[in-house]
Protein backbone atom coordinates (compact mmCIF):
# COMPACT_ATOMS: atom_id res chain seq x y z
CA MET A 1 127.76 69.80 117.69
CA LYS A 2 125.91 71.31 114.78
CA ILE A 3 126.72 74.94 114.06
CA ASP A 4 123.75 77.32 113.94
CA LYS A 5 123.28 81.05 113.45
CA ASN A 6 123.13 81.70 117.21
CA ILE A 7 126.67 80.52 117.97
CA LYS A 8 129.05 83.25 119.05
CA ILE A 9 132.03 83.82 116.76
CA GLY A 10 134.43 83.31 119.68
CA ASP A 11 132.82 79.99 120.61
CA LEU A 12 132.82 78.85 116.98
CA LEU A 13 136.52 79.60 116.56
CA ASN A 14 137.44 78.01 119.91
CA GLU A 15 135.55 74.82 119.08
CA TYR A 16 136.33 74.69 115.35
CA PRO A 17 139.45 76.77 114.56
CA GLU A 18 139.59 75.19 111.11
CA LYS A 19 136.34 77.00 110.20
CA ALA A 20 138.12 80.39 110.25
CA GLU A 21 139.05 79.93 106.59
CA ILE A 22 135.38 79.57 105.61
CA LEU A 23 134.50 82.75 107.52
CA LEU A 24 137.38 84.66 105.93
CA ASN A 25 136.41 83.46 102.46
CA ALA A 26 132.83 84.60 103.11
CA GLY A 27 134.08 88.14 103.82
CA MET A 28 134.47 88.20 107.60
CA HIS A 29 137.93 89.68 107.90
CA CYS A 30 137.57 90.91 111.48
CA LEU A 31 137.81 87.59 113.28
CA GLY A 32 140.58 88.85 115.54
CA CYS A 33 138.58 91.89 116.66
CA PRO A 34 137.61 91.57 120.34
CA ALA A 35 134.05 92.76 119.63
CA SER A 36 133.49 90.02 117.06
CA GLN A 37 134.14 87.34 119.68
CA GLU A 38 130.83 88.12 121.41
CA GLU A 39 128.76 88.53 118.23
CA THR A 40 126.58 85.71 117.04
CA LEU A 41 127.11 84.36 113.58
CA GLU A 42 123.79 85.91 112.56
CA GLU A 43 124.79 89.36 113.87
CA ALA A 44 128.14 89.21 112.08
CA CYS A 45 126.44 88.18 108.84
CA MET A 46 124.05 91.13 109.07
CA VAL A 47 126.96 93.55 109.53
CA HIS A 48 128.85 92.09 106.57
CA GLY A 49 125.89 91.53 104.24
CA ILE A 50 126.36 87.76 104.19
CA ASP A 51 123.55 85.20 103.82
CA VAL A 52 123.60 83.50 107.23
CA GLU A 53 121.73 80.38 106.08
CA GLU A 54 124.21 79.76 103.27
CA LEU A 55 127.17 80.32 105.58
CA VAL A 56 125.75 77.96 108.23
CA GLU A 57 125.28 75.31 105.55
CA ASN A 58 128.91 75.70 104.43
CA LEU A 59 130.19 75.57 108.03
CA ASN A 60 128.31 72.33 108.68
CA LYS A 61 129.65 70.51 105.61
């Protein structure tokens, strides 16, 4: 499965737990927050001021 900006953070971490490090390094330090589990990657990037396209590219490497 290719990761895109519409994937929910909870689904991403359930499917690819090893990607948590990339999210943390990008500045998403609230991965354990219950609210973040239902946010899409795009929504979380907007909140944290992160370029979603760049992050998606890094997650798919």
